[in-house]
Amino acid sequence: MSEPLSRRKRRFALLGTITHDVITQASGHILSGEGGVLYQAAGLCGLGQPVSLYTHVGQEIFARVRPMLDGWPACDSSRIRVFPGPGNSVFLHYPEKGERVEVLESHVPPLRPDLLLHDLPDISFLILVINSGFDILLRDWRRIVRRAECPIWFDVHSLALTLELHTARRYRALPEWMEWAKGTTYLQANLTEVAAMLGEPERTPARDEIDRFGGRAFDLGVQAAFVTLGAEGVLVLQAGRTEKVRSPSATDVVDTTGCGDIFCAGAAAMLASGADPIEAAAFGTELASEAAGVSGIEAAYSLVRNRGFFA
């Protein structure tokens, strides 16, 4: 008989894609480095939360990130599968206004679920981040959800983008989001992703439409949905209650890449510690606001680690 979840040592399983990002800002400044699901890993490991990474990665990227992961005591990288070639290569442009522009140049095969299915009895919190849209097949994700006995956080992210290479990806209507979200505990999306799930990605949803989206999510078993609003904070949707958690004002913004991912890490760590969704969102937005003042994975990890967290 397996040990009850409440007695197990906390252990996060993190699914997603490790990417190499080239980022062009509106000012013309260019940044580059590894990203994707590494931001959530940096946040969780910086907070001292044991994390196992379940991902496929290109050999060229892994050669650069392995020394970094080996230096994070809370990180278990033994579940990473390495494939020949460059892996997931992404170009991101942040315009003065509006959504960022993303071009995916290459990707690795979708995650095979066998290792995670084997490990599920020892997992206390599961996070899936769709970084590329090629991360995992829906049928394999459904197998994982059916077997999981722990809370599940699902970040829609790039699932709402067209599955195209070498060209700017467009937001699309996403009717299949319900199959992905069914049986998960927490759902994360930004306003444009919510619009895609409502079938109109070109139009910012009104408050009643966001509430309608929340109602659909609750019918699927979701306990709380976090709709991120950038610098404004996050809307926390729960059955019968919607509350806006404002983000602290960020000073000296350097790079906003990964801020939503750091929010996820902070909020998930709080939820796993027993906090309610509002408390979790407040901590996540505070952490994300601070992360905007640094650039890159290692800087994000150092910032979170130096900040401290209750065990």
C-alpha atoms as a PDB file:
ATOM      1  CA  MET A   1       0.000   0.000   0.000  1.00  0.00           C
ATOM      2  CA  SER A   2       1.352   3.438  -0.920  1.00  0.00           C
ATOM      3  CA  GLU A   3       1.969   6.045   1.761  1.00  0.00           C
ATOM      4  CA  PRO A   4      -0.790   8.702   2.133  1.00  0.00           C
ATOM      5  CA  LEU A   5      -0.035  11.949   0.300  1.00  0.00           C
ATOM      6  CA  SER A   6      -0.189  13.952   3.519  1.00  0.00           C
ATOM      7  CA  ARG A   7       2.716  11.944   4.929  1.00  0.00           C
ATOM      8  CA  ARG A   8       4.980  12.005   1.929  1.00  0.00           C
ATOM      9  CA  LYS A   9       7.869  14.374   1.547  1.00  0.00           C
ATOM     10  CA  ARG A  10       6.840  17.184  -0.796  1.00  0.00           C
ATOM     11  CA  ARG A  11       8.053  16.550  -4.346  1.00  0.00           C
ATOM     12  CA  PHE A  12       7.105  18.446  -7.471  1.00  0.00           C
ATOM     13  CA  ALA A  13       6.964  16.900 -10.922  1.00  0.00           C
ATOM     14  CA  LEU A  14       7.520  19.518 -13.610  1.00  0.00           C
ATOM     15  CA  LEU A  15       6.580  18.800 -17.230  1.00  0.00           C
ATOM     16  CA  GLY A  16       7.355  21.130 -20.113  1.00  0.00           C
ATOM     17  CA  THR A  17      10.064  22.056 -22.575  1.00  0.00           C
ATOM     18  CA  ILE A  18      13.527  23.516 -22.072  1.00  0.00           C
ATOM     19  CA  THR A  19      14.127  26.103 -24.770  1.00  0.00           C
ATOM     20  CA  HIS A  20      16.874  28.322 -26.104  1.00  0.00           C
ATOM     21  CA  ASP A  21      15.435  31.826 -26.393  1.00  0.00           C
ATOM     22  CA  VAL A  22      16.629  34.799 -28.409  1.00  0.00           C
ATOM     23  CA  ILE A  23      14.694  37.822 -27.132  1.00  0.00           C
ATOM     24  CA  THR A  24      14.379  41.175 -28.900  1.00  0.00           C
ATOM     25  CA  GLN A  25      12.939  43.996 -26.824  1.00  0.00           C
ATOM     26  CA  ALA A  26      11.106  47.059 -28.126  1.00  0.00           C
ATOM     27  CA  SER A  27      14.226  49.123 -27.424  1.00  0.00           C
ATOM     28  CA  GLY A  28      16.210  46.934 -29.819  1.00  0.00           C
ATOM     29  CA  HIS A  29      18.136  45.294 -26.975  1.00  0.00           C
ATOM     30  CA  ILE A  30      18.759  41.574 -27.623  1.00  0.00           C
ATOM     31  CA  LEU A  31      19.016  38.904 -24.922  1.00  0.00           C
ATOM     32  CA  SER A  32      19.607  35.186 -25.298  1.00  0.00           C
ATOM     33  CA  GLY A  33      19.750  32.146 -23.066  1.00  0.00           C
ATOM     34  CA  GLU A  34      17.933  29.028 -21.972  1.00  0.00           C
ATOM     35  CA  GLY A  35      14.331  29.258 -20.827  1.00  0.00           C
ATOM     36  CA  GLY A  36      10.985  27.523 -21.020  1.00  0.00           C
ATOM     37  CA  VAL A  37      10.184  25.252 -18.098  1.00  0.00           C
ATOM     38  CA  LEU A  38      13.553  26.106 -16.531  1.00  0.00           C
ATOM     39  CA  TYR A  39      11.939  29.262 -15.124  1.00  0.00           C
ATOM     40  CA  GLN A  40       9.464  27.247 -13.052  1.00  0.00           C
ATOM     41  CA  ALA A  41      12.307  24.945 -12.031  1.00  0.00           C
ATOM     42  CA  ALA A  42      14.462  27.911 -10.996  1.00  0.00           C
ATOM     43  CA  GLY A  43      11.643  29.352  -8.908  1.00  0.00           C
ATOM     44  CA  LEU A  44      10.750  26.101  -7.164  1.00  0.00           C
ATOM     45  CA  CYS A  45      14.354  25.047  -6.570  1.00  0.00           C
ATOM     46  CA  GLY A  46      15.217  28.546  -5.370  1.00  0.00           C
ATOM     47  CA  LEU A  47      12.419  28.167  -2.824  1.00  0.00           C
ATOM     48  CA  GLY A  48      13.946  24.864  -1.718  1.00  0.00           C
ATOM     49  CA  GLN A  49      11.183  22.677  -3.150  1.00  0.00           C
ATOM     50  CA  PRO A  50      12.343  19.260  -4.463  1.00  0.00           C
ATOM     51  CA  VAL A  51      11.655  19.134  -8.208  1.00  0.00           C
ATOM     52  CA  SER A  52      11.930  16.337 -10.756  1.00  0.00           C
ATOM     53  CA  LEU A  53      12.090  17.551 -14.371  1.00  0.00           C
ATOM     54  CA  TYR A  54      10.246  15.440 -16.948  1.00  0.00           C
ATOM     55  CA  THR A  55      11.174  16.841 -20.327  1.00  0.00           C
ATOM     56  CA  HIS A  56      12.813  16.135 -23.655  1.00  0.00           C
ATOM     57  CA  VAL A  57      15.669  18.433 -24.594  1.00  0.00           C
ATOM     58  CA  GLY A  58      18.076  18.905 -27.475  1.00  0.00           C
ATOM     59  CA  GLN A  59      21.657  17.802 -26.902  1.00  0.00           C
ATOM     60  CA  GLU A  60      23.061  21.267 -27.618  1.00  0.00           C
ATOM     61  CA  ILE A  61      20.826  22.909 -25.017  1.00  0.00           C
ATOM     62  CA  PHE A  62      21.377  20.198 -22.412  1.00  0.00           C
ATOM     63  CA  ALA A  63      25.142  20.562 -22.657  1.00  0.00           C
ATOM     64  CA  ARG A  64      24.713  24.172 -21.522  1.00  0.00           C
ATOM     65  CA  VAL A  65      22.101  23.669 -18.813  1.00  0.00           C
ATOM     66  CA  ARG A  66      23.328  20.485 -17.142  1.00  0.00           C
ATOM     67  CA  PRO A  67      26.069  22.203 -15.061  1.00  0.00           C
ATOM     68  CA  MET A  68      23.498  24.730 -13.880  1.00  0.00           C
ATOM     69  CA  LEU A  69      20.942  22.061 -12.903  1.00  0.00           C
ATOM     70  CA  ASP A  70      23.642  20.061 -11.118  1.00  0.00           C
ATOM     71  CA  GLY A  71      24.259  23.152  -8.986  1.00  0.00           C
ATOM     72  CA  TRP A  72      20.656  23.301  -7.749  1.00  0.00           C
ATOM     73  CA  PRO A  73      20.436  20.964  -4.721  1.00  0.00           C
ATOM     74  CA  ALA A  74      16.629  20.613  -4.988  1.00  0.00           C
ATOM     75  CA  CYS A  75      16.661  19.625  -8.682  1.00  0.00           C
ATOM     76  CA  ASP A  76      16.461  16.048  -9.963  1.00  0.00           C
ATOM     77  CA  SER A  77      17.422  16.062 -13.651  1.00  0.00           C
ATOM     78  CA  SER A  78      17.637  12.273 -14.010  1.00  0.00           C
ATOM     79  CA  ARG A  79      14.247  12.124 -15.795  1.00  0.00           C
ATOM     80  CA  ILE A  80      15.356  14.400 -18.646  1.00  0.00           C
ATOM     81  CA  ARG A  81      15.699  12.647 -22.008  1.00  0.00           C
ATOM     82  CA  VAL A  82      18.255  14.079 -24.428  1.00  0.00           C
ATOM     83  CA  PHE A  83      17.802  14.084 -28.210  1.00  0.00           C
ATOM     84  CA  PRO A  84      20.378  14.919 -30.917  1.00  0.00           C
ATOM     85  CA  GLY A  85      20.358  18.394 -32.386  1.00  0.00           C
ATOM     86  CA  PRO A  86      19.606  21.915 -31.201  1.00  0.00           C
ATOM     87  CA  GLY A  87      16.299  21.182 -29.465  1.00  0.00           C
ATOM     88  CA  ASN A  88      13.640  23.845 -28.994  1.00  0.00           C
ATOM     89  CA  SER A  89      14.920  27.100 -30.477  1.00  0.00           C
ATOM     90  CA  VAL A  90      12.650  30.132 -30.017  1.00  0.00           C
ATOM     91  CA  PHE A  91      12.777  33.760 -31.156  1.00  0.00           C
ATOM     92  CA  LEU A  92      10.704  36.192 -29.077  1.00  0.00           C
ATOM     93  CA  HIS A  93       9.985  39.846 -29.801  1.00  0.00           C
ATOM     94  CA  TYR A  94       8.371  42.177 -27.272  1.00  0.00           C
ATOM     95  CA  PRO A  95       6.751  45.150 -29.046  1.00  0.00           C
ATOM     96  CA  GLU A  96       6.009  48.458 -27.355  1.00  0.00           C
ATOM     97  CA  LYS A  97       2.364  47.391 -27.032  1.00  0.00           C
ATOM     98  CA  GLY A  98       0.443  44.151 -27.439  1.00  0.00           C
ATOM     99  CA  GLU A  99       1.345  40.487 -27.223  1.00  0.00           C
ATOM    100  CA  ARG A 100       4.849  39.210 -27.812  1.00  0.00           C
ATOM    101  CA  VAL A 101       5.686  37.638 -31.172  1.00  0.00           C
ATOM    102  CA  GLU A 102       7.008  34.080 -31.075  1.00  0.00           C
ATOM    103  CA  VAL A 103       8.774  32.086 -33.792  1.00  0.00           C
ATOM    104  CA  LEU A 104       9.640  28.442 -33.131  1.00  0.00           C
ATOM    105  CA  GLU A 105      12.532  27.281 -35.294  1.00  0.00           C
ATOM    106  CA  SER A 106      12.918  23.684 -34.095  1.00  0.00           C
ATOM    107  CA  HIS A 107      11.566  21.291 -31.489  1.00  0.00           C
ATOM    108  CA  VAL A 108      12.099  17.864 -29.927  1.00  0.00           C
ATOM    109  CA  PRO A 109       9.611  14.932 -29.916  1.00  0.00           C
ATOM    110  CA  PRO A 110       6.727  15.061 -27.398  1.00  0.00           C
ATOM    111  CA  LEU A 111       7.312  13.739 -23.909  1.00  0.00           C
ATOM    112  CA  ARG A 112       6.755  10.025 -23.436  1.00  0.00           C
ATOM    113  CA  PRO A 113       4.877   9.509 -20.162  1.00  0.00           C
ATOM    114  CA  ASP A 114       6.287   6.161 -19.004  1.00  0.00           C
ATOM    115  CA  LEU A 115       8.777   7.502 -16.433  1.00  0.00           C
ATOM    116  CA  LEU A 116       6.262   9.850 -14.850  1.00  0.00           C
ATOM    117  CA  LEU A 117       3.537   7.195 -14.755  1.00  0.00           C
ATOM    118  CA  HIS A 118       5.973   4.987 -12.855  1.00  0.00           C
ATOM    119  CA  ASP A 119       6.894   7.791 -10.449  1.00  0.00           C
ATOM    120  CA  LEU A 120       3.392   9.185  -9.832  1.00  0.00           C
ATOM    121  CA  PRO A 121       2.873   7.511  -6.423  1.00  0.00           C
ATOM    122  CA  ASP A 122       5.817   9.554  -5.092  1.00  0.00           C
ATOM    123  CA  ILE A 123       4.697  12.900  -6.544  1.00  0.00           C
ATOM    124  CA  SER A 124       2.898  15.360  -4.260  1.00  0.00           C
ATOM    125  CA  PHE A 125       2.316  18.188  -6.798  1.00  0.00           C
ATOM    126  CA  LEU A 126       2.303  18.024 -10.605  1.00  0.00           C
ATOM    127  CA  ILE A 127       2.805  20.972 -12.982  1.00  0.00           C
ATOM    128  CA  LEU A 128       2.380  20.898 -16.770  1.00  0.00           C
ATOM    129  CA  VAL A 129       3.493  23.941 -18.766  1.00  0.00           C
ATOM    130  CA  ILE A 130       2.829  23.941 -22.510  1.00  0.00           C
ATOM    131  CA  ASN A 131       5.950  25.797 -23.658  1.00  0.00           C
ATOM    132  CA  SER A 132       5.906  24.834 -27.334  1.00  0.00           C
ATOM    133  CA  GLY A 133       2.646  23.036 -28.142  1.00  0.00           C
ATOM    134  CA  PHE A 134       4.729  19.980 -29.034  1.00  0.00           C
ATOM    135  CA  ASP A 135       5.466  19.150 -25.382  1.00  0.00           C
ATOM    136  CA  ILE A 136       3.169  16.135 -24.856  1.00  0.00           C
ATOM    137  CA  LEU A 137       0.327  14.453 -26.739  1.00  0.00           C
ATOM    138  CA  LEU A 138      -3.174  14.925 -25.332  1.00  0.00           C
ATOM    139  CA  ARG A 139      -3.770  11.177 -25.045  1.00  0.00           C
ATOM    140  CA  ASP A 140      -0.620  10.782 -22.941  1.00  0.00           C
ATOM    141  CA  TRP A 141      -1.564  13.737 -20.741  1.00  0.00           C
ATOM    142  CA  ARG A 142      -4.987  12.178 -20.126  1.00  0.00           C
ATOM    143  CA  ARG A 143      -3.276   8.969 -18.968  1.00  0.00           C
ATOM    144  CA  ILE A 144      -1.245  10.967 -16.454  1.00  0.00           C
ATOM    145  CA  VAL A 145      -4.264  12.902 -15.145  1.00  0.00           C
ATOM    146  CA  ARG A 146      -6.294   9.724 -14.676  1.00  0.00           C
ATOM    147  CA  ARG A 147      -3.504   8.132 -12.632  1.00  0.00           C
ATOM    148  CA  ALA A 148      -2.447  11.151 -10.556  1.00  0.00           C
ATOM    149  CA  GLU A 149      -3.543  11.392  -6.912  1.00  0.00           C
ATOM    150  CA  CYS A 150      -1.977  14.786  -6.260  1.00  0.00           C
ATOM    151  CA  PRO A 151      -2.933  18.391  -7.119  1.00  0.00           C
ATOM    152  CA  ILE A 152      -2.278  19.295 -10.763  1.00  0.00           C
ATOM    153  CA  TRP A 153      -1.390  22.767 -12.083  1.00  0.00           C
ATOM    154  CA  PHE A 154      -1.943  23.292 -15.825  1.00  0.00           C
ATOM    155  CA  ASP A 155      -0.475  26.341 -17.614  1.00  0.00           C
ATOM    156  CA  VAL A 156      -2.114  26.709 -21.048  1.00  0.00           C
ATOM    157  CA  HIS A 157       0.564  29.051 -22.472  1.00  0.00           C
ATOM    158  CA  SER A 158       1.628  28.016 -26.012  1.00  0.00           C
ATOM    159  CA  LEU A 159      -1.236  25.560 -26.455  1.00  0.00           C
ATOM    160  CA  ALA A 160      -3.204  28.584 -27.714  1.00  0.00           C
ATOM    161  CA  LEU A 161      -0.684  29.211 -30.530  1.00  0.00           C
ATOM    162  CA  THR A 162      -0.733  27.707 -34.002  1.00  0.00           C
ATOM    163  CA  LEU A 163       1.645  24.771 -34.444  1.00  0.00           C
ATOM    164  CA  GLU A 164       3.922  26.409 -36.998  1.00  0.00           C
ATOM    165  CA  LEU A 165       7.672  26.561 -37.521  1.00  0.00           C
ATOM    166  CA  HIS A 166       9.793  29.380 -38.994  1.00  0.00           C
ATOM    167  CA  THR A 167       6.969  31.941 -38.926  1.00  0.00           C
ATOM    168  CA  ALA A 168       5.223  34.123 -36.376  1.00  0.00           C
ATOM    169  CA  ARG A 169       2.770  31.944 -34.487  1.00  0.00           C
ATOM    170  CA  ARG A 170      -0.803  33.191 -34.186  1.00  0.00           C
ATOM    171  CA  TYR A 171      -3.320  32.805 -31.389  1.00  0.00           C
ATOM    172  CA  ARG A 172      -6.141  30.470 -32.395  1.00  0.00           C
ATOM    173  CA  ALA A 173      -9.522  29.379 -31.085  1.00  0.00           C
ATOM    174  CA  LEU A 174      -8.907  26.567 -28.591  1.00  0.00           C
ATOM    175  CA  PRO A 175     -12.042  24.460 -28.077  1.00  0.00           C
ATOM    176  CA  GLU A 176      -9.975  21.446 -27.004  1.00  0.00           C
ATOM    177  CA  TRP A 177      -8.740  23.235 -23.856  1.00  0.00           C
ATOM    178  CA  MET A 178     -11.416  21.462 -21.835  1.00  0.00           C
ATOM    179  CA  GLU A 179      -9.928  18.059 -22.634  1.00  0.00           C
ATOM    180  CA  TRP A 180      -6.557  19.309 -21.396  1.00  0.00           C
ATOM    181  CA  ALA A 181      -7.968  20.933 -18.245  1.00  0.00           C
ATOM    182  CA  LYS A 182     -10.414  18.200 -17.220  1.00  0.00           C
ATOM    183  CA  GLY A 183      -9.458  16.754 -13.835  1.00  0.00           C
ATOM    184  CA  THR A 184      -6.739  19.330 -13.097  1.00  0.00           C
ATOM    185  CA  THR A 185      -6.790  21.365  -9.884  1.00  0.00           C
ATOM    186  CA  TYR A 186      -5.353  24.735 -10.877  1.00  0.00           C
ATOM    187  CA  LEU A 187      -5.430  26.449 -14.271  1.00  0.00           C
ATOM    188  CA  GLN A 188      -3.167  29.311 -15.410  1.00  0.00           C
ATOM    189  CA  ALA A 189      -3.714  31.496 -18.484  1.00  0.00           C
ATOM    190  CA  ASN A 190      -3.300  35.110 -19.546  1.00  0.00           C
ATOM    191  CA  LEU A 191      -6.119  37.219 -21.018  1.00  0.00           C
ATOM    192  CA  THR A 192      -5.319  36.357 -24.634  1.00  0.00           C
ATOM    193  CA  GLU A 193      -5.219  32.652 -23.815  1.00  0.00           C
ATOM    194  CA  VAL A 194      -8.598  32.961 -22.071  1.00  0.00           C
ATOM    195  CA  ALA A 195      -9.922  34.673 -25.215  1.00  0.00           C
ATOM    196  CA  ALA A 196      -8.617  31.736 -27.289  1.00  0.00           C
ATOM    197  CA  MET A 197     -10.378  29.281 -24.997  1.00  0.00           C
ATOM    198  CA  LEU A 198     -13.586  31.298 -25.408  1.00  0.00           C
ATOM    199  CA  GLY A 199     -13.176  31.034 -29.187  1.00  0.00           C
ATOM    200  CA  GLU A 200     -12.265  34.677 -29.949  1.00  0.00           C
ATOM    201  CA  PRO A 201      -8.505  35.151 -29.548  1.00  0.00           C
ATOM    202  CA  GLU A 202      -8.530  38.527 -31.332  1.00  0.00           C
ATOM    203  CA  ARG A 203     -10.745  40.182 -28.693  1.00  0.00           C
ATOM    204  CA  THR A 204      -9.977  40.934 -25.028  1.00  0.00           C
ATOM    205  CA  PRO A 205     -12.658  39.195 -22.942  1.00  0.00           C
ATOM    206  CA  ALA A 206     -14.971  41.256 -20.731  1.00  0.00           C
ATOM    207  CA  ARG A 207     -15.310  40.476 -17.037  1.00  0.00           C
ATOM    208  CA  ASP A 208     -18.534  38.479 -17.475  1.00  0.00           C
ATOM    209  CA  GLU A 209     -16.844  36.420 -20.203  1.00  0.00           C
ATOM    210  CA  ILE A 210     -13.929  35.671 -17.888  1.00  0.00           C
ATOM    211  CA  ASP A 211     -16.446  34.559 -15.252  1.00  0.00           C
ATOM    212  CA  ARG A 212     -18.097  32.338 -17.876  1.00  0.00           C
ATOM    213  CA  PHE A 213     -14.717  30.790 -18.645  1.00  0.00           C
ATOM    214  CA  GLY A 214     -14.241  30.189 -14.913  1.00  0.00           C
ATOM    215  CA  GLY A 215     -17.601  28.441 -14.691  1.00  0.00           C
ATOM    216  CA  ARG A 216     -16.603  26.059 -17.455  1.00  0.00           C
ATOM    217  CA  ALA A 217     -13.315  25.357 -15.705  1.00  0.00           C
ATOM    218  CA  PHE A 218     -15.071  24.599 -12.404  1.00  0.00           C
ATOM    219  CA  ASP A 219     -17.386  22.161 -14.199  1.00  0.00           C
ATOM    220  CA  LEU A 220     -14.252  20.279 -15.263  1.00  0.00           C
ATOM    221  CA  GLY A 221     -13.060  19.942 -11.654  1.00  0.00           C
ATOM    222  CA  VAL A 222     -10.723  22.949 -11.542  1.00  0.00           C
ATOM    223  CA  GLN A 223     -10.674  24.467  -8.032  1.00  0.00           C
ATOM    224  CA  ALA A 224      -9.050  27.795  -8.938  1.00  0.00           C
ATOM    225  CA  ALA A 225      -8.095  29.541 -12.169  1.00  0.00           C
ATOM    226  CA  PHE A 226      -5.353  32.180 -12.254  1.00  0.00           C
ATOM    227  CA  VAL A 227      -5.736  34.717 -15.078  1.00  0.00           C
ATOM    228  CA  THR A 228      -2.488  36.670 -15.244  1.00  0.00           C
ATOM    229  CA  LEU A 229      -2.689  40.370 -16.161  1.00  0.00           C
ATOM    230  CA  GLY A 230       0.984  41.281 -16.559  1.00  0.00           C
ATOM    231  CA  ALA A 231       2.005  44.252 -14.444  1.00  0.00           C
ATOM    232  CA  GLU A 232      -1.548  44.596 -13.103  1.00  0.00           C
ATOM    233  CA  GLY A 233      -1.426  41.315 -11.207  1.00  0.00           C
ATOM    234  CA  VAL A 234      -3.753  38.311 -11.474  1.00  0.00           C
ATOM    235  CA  LEU A 235      -7.438  37.478 -11.316  1.00  0.00           C
ATOM    236  CA  VAL A 236      -8.129  34.525  -9.026  1.00  0.00           C
ATOM    237  CA  LEU A 237     -11.309  32.710 -10.008  1.00  0.00           C
ATOM    238  CA  GLN A 238     -12.958  30.334  -7.561  1.00  0.00           C
ATOM    239  CA  ALA A 239     -16.512  29.032  -7.508  1.00  0.00           C
ATOM    240  CA  GLY A 240     -18.691  31.948  -6.442  1.00  0.00           C
ATOM    241  CA  ARG A 241     -15.742  34.298  -5.986  1.00  0.00           C
ATOM    242  CA  THR A 242     -13.418  36.315  -8.222  1.00  0.00           C
ATOM    243  CA  GLU A 243     -10.718  38.501  -6.701  1.00  0.00           C
ATOM    244  CA  LYS A 244      -7.987  40.613  -8.259  1.00  0.00           C
ATOM    245  CA  VAL A 245      -4.580  40.369  -6.628  1.00  0.00           C
ATOM    246  CA  ARG A 246      -2.542  43.388  -7.583  1.00  0.00           C
ATOM    247  CA  SER A 247       1.131  43.102  -8.418  1.00  0.00           C
ATOM    248  CA  PRO A 248       3.625  45.241  -6.495  1.00  0.00           C
ATOM    249  CA  SER A 249       5.130  47.956  -8.653  1.00  0.00           C
ATOM    250  CA  ALA A 250       8.287  46.656 -10.295  1.00  0.00           C
ATOM    251  CA  THR A 251      11.226  49.054 -10.305  1.00  0.00           C
ATOM    252  CA  ASP A 252      14.081  48.904 -12.815  1.00  0.00           C
ATOM    253  CA  VAL A 253      12.407  46.365 -15.093  1.00  0.00           C
ATOM    254  CA  VAL A 254      15.114  44.473 -16.977  1.00  0.00           C
ATOM    255  CA  ASP A 255      13.350  41.499 -18.578  1.00  0.00           C
ATOM    256  CA  THR A 256       9.735  40.320 -18.200  1.00  0.00           C
ATOM    257  CA  THR A 257      10.424  36.956 -19.841  1.00  0.00           C
ATOM    258  CA  GLY A 258       9.529  34.183 -17.414  1.00  0.00           C
ATOM    259  CA  CYS A 259       7.604  36.369 -14.952  1.00  0.00           C
ATOM    260  CA  GLY A 260       4.442  34.307 -15.428  1.00  0.00           C
ATOM    261  CA  ASP A 261       6.526  31.190 -14.862  1.00  0.00           C
ATOM    262  CA  ILE A 262       7.995  32.543 -11.637  1.00  0.00           C
ATOM    263  CA  PHE A 263       4.436  33.407 -10.576  1.00  0.00           C
ATOM    264  CA  CYS A 264       3.518  29.760 -11.156  1.00  0.00           C
ATOM    265  CA  ALA A 265       6.454  28.535  -9.056  1.00  0.00           C
ATOM    266  CA  GLY A 266       5.683  30.845  -6.153  1.00  0.00           C
ATOM    267  CA  ALA A 267       1.940  30.194  -6.164  1.00  0.00           C
ATOM    268  CA  ALA A 268       2.372  26.417  -6.508  1.00  0.00           C
ATOM    269  CA  ALA A 269       4.876  26.300  -3.635  1.00  0.00           C
ATOM    270  CA  MET A 270       2.401  28.167  -1.440  1.00  0.00           C
ATOM    271  CA  LEU A 271      -0.498  25.914  -2.419  1.00  0.00           C
ATOM    272  CA  ALA A 272       1.584  22.828  -1.678  1.00  0.00           C
ATOM    273  CA  SER A 273       2.321  24.308   1.753  1.00  0.00           C
ATOM    274  CA  GLY A 274      -1.398  24.626   2.514  1.00  0.00           C
ATOM    275  CA  ALA A 275      -2.095  28.241   1.510  1.00  0.00           C
ATOM    276  CA  ASP A 276      -5.384  29.219  -0.123  1.00  0.00           C
ATOM    277  CA  PRO A 277      -5.411  30.442  -3.762  1.00  0.00           C
ATOM    278  CA  ILE A 278      -5.545  34.147  -2.818  1.00  0.00           C
ATOM    279  CA  GLU A 279      -2.527  33.858  -0.515  1.00  0.00           C
ATOM    280  CA  ALA A 280      -0.735  31.805  -3.152  1.00  0.00           C
ATOM    281  CA  ALA A 281      -1.445  34.387  -5.865  1.00  0.00           C
ATOM    282  CA  ALA A 282      -0.230  37.242  -3.654  1.00  0.00           C
ATOM    283  CA  PHE A 283       3.096  35.498  -3.059  1.00  0.00           C
ATOM    284  CA  GLY A 284       3.419  34.532  -6.735  1.00  0.00           C
ATOM    285  CA  THR A 285       2.811  38.075  -8.001  1.00  0.00           C
ATOM    286  CA  GLU A 286       5.300  39.500  -5.505  1.00  0.00           C
ATOM    287  CA  LEU A 287       7.938  37.025  -6.629  1.00  0.00           C
ATOM    288  CA  ALA A 288       7.222  37.679 -10.318  1.00  0.00           C
ATOM    289  CA  SER A 289       7.472  41.433  -9.792  1.00  0.00           C
ATOM    290  CA  GLU A 290      10.921  41.015  -8.258  1.00  0.00           C
ATOM    291  CA  ALA A 291      11.988  38.659 -11.060  1.00  0.00           C
ATOM    292  CA  ALA A 292      11.293  41.385 -13.644  1.00  0.00           C
ATOM    293  CA  GLY A 293      14.366  43.156 -12.302  1.00  0.00           C
ATOM    294  CA  VAL A 294      16.771  40.421 -13.448  1.00  0.00           C
ATOM    295  CA  SER A 295      17.406  38.556 -16.689  1.00  0.00           C
ATOM    296  CA  GLY A 296      18.026  34.868 -17.268  1.00  0.00           C
ATOM    297  CA  ILE A 297      17.541  31.570 -15.459  1.00  0.00           C
ATOM    298  CA  GLU A 298      20.528  31.715 -13.122  1.00  0.00           C
ATOM    299  CA  ALA A 299      19.708  35.265 -12.041  1.00  0.00           C
ATOM    300  CA  ALA A 300      16.101  34.245 -11.353  1.00  0.00           C
ATOM    301  CA  TYR A 301      17.262  31.266  -9.289  1.00  0.00           C
ATOM    302  CA  SER A 302      19.663  33.405  -7.243  1.00  0.00           C
ATOM    303  CA  LEU A 303      17.007  36.057  -6.639  1.00  0.00           C
ATOM    304  CA  VAL A 304      14.438  33.550  -5.396  1.00  0.00           C
ATOM    305  CA  ARG A 305      16.948  31.627  -3.311  1.00  0.00           C
ATOM    306  CA  ASN A 306      18.215  34.745  -1.571  1.00  0.00           C
ATOM    307  CA  ARG A 307      14.688  35.895  -0.900  1.00  0.00           C
ATOM    308  CA  GLY A 308      13.819  32.939   1.336  1.00  0.00           C
ATOM    309  CA  PHE A 309      10.661  30.890   1.884  1.00  0.00           C
ATOM    310  CA  PHE A 310       8.985  29.117   4.757  1.00  0.00           C
ATOM    311  CA  ALA A 311       9.283  25.315   4.718  1.00  0.00           C
END
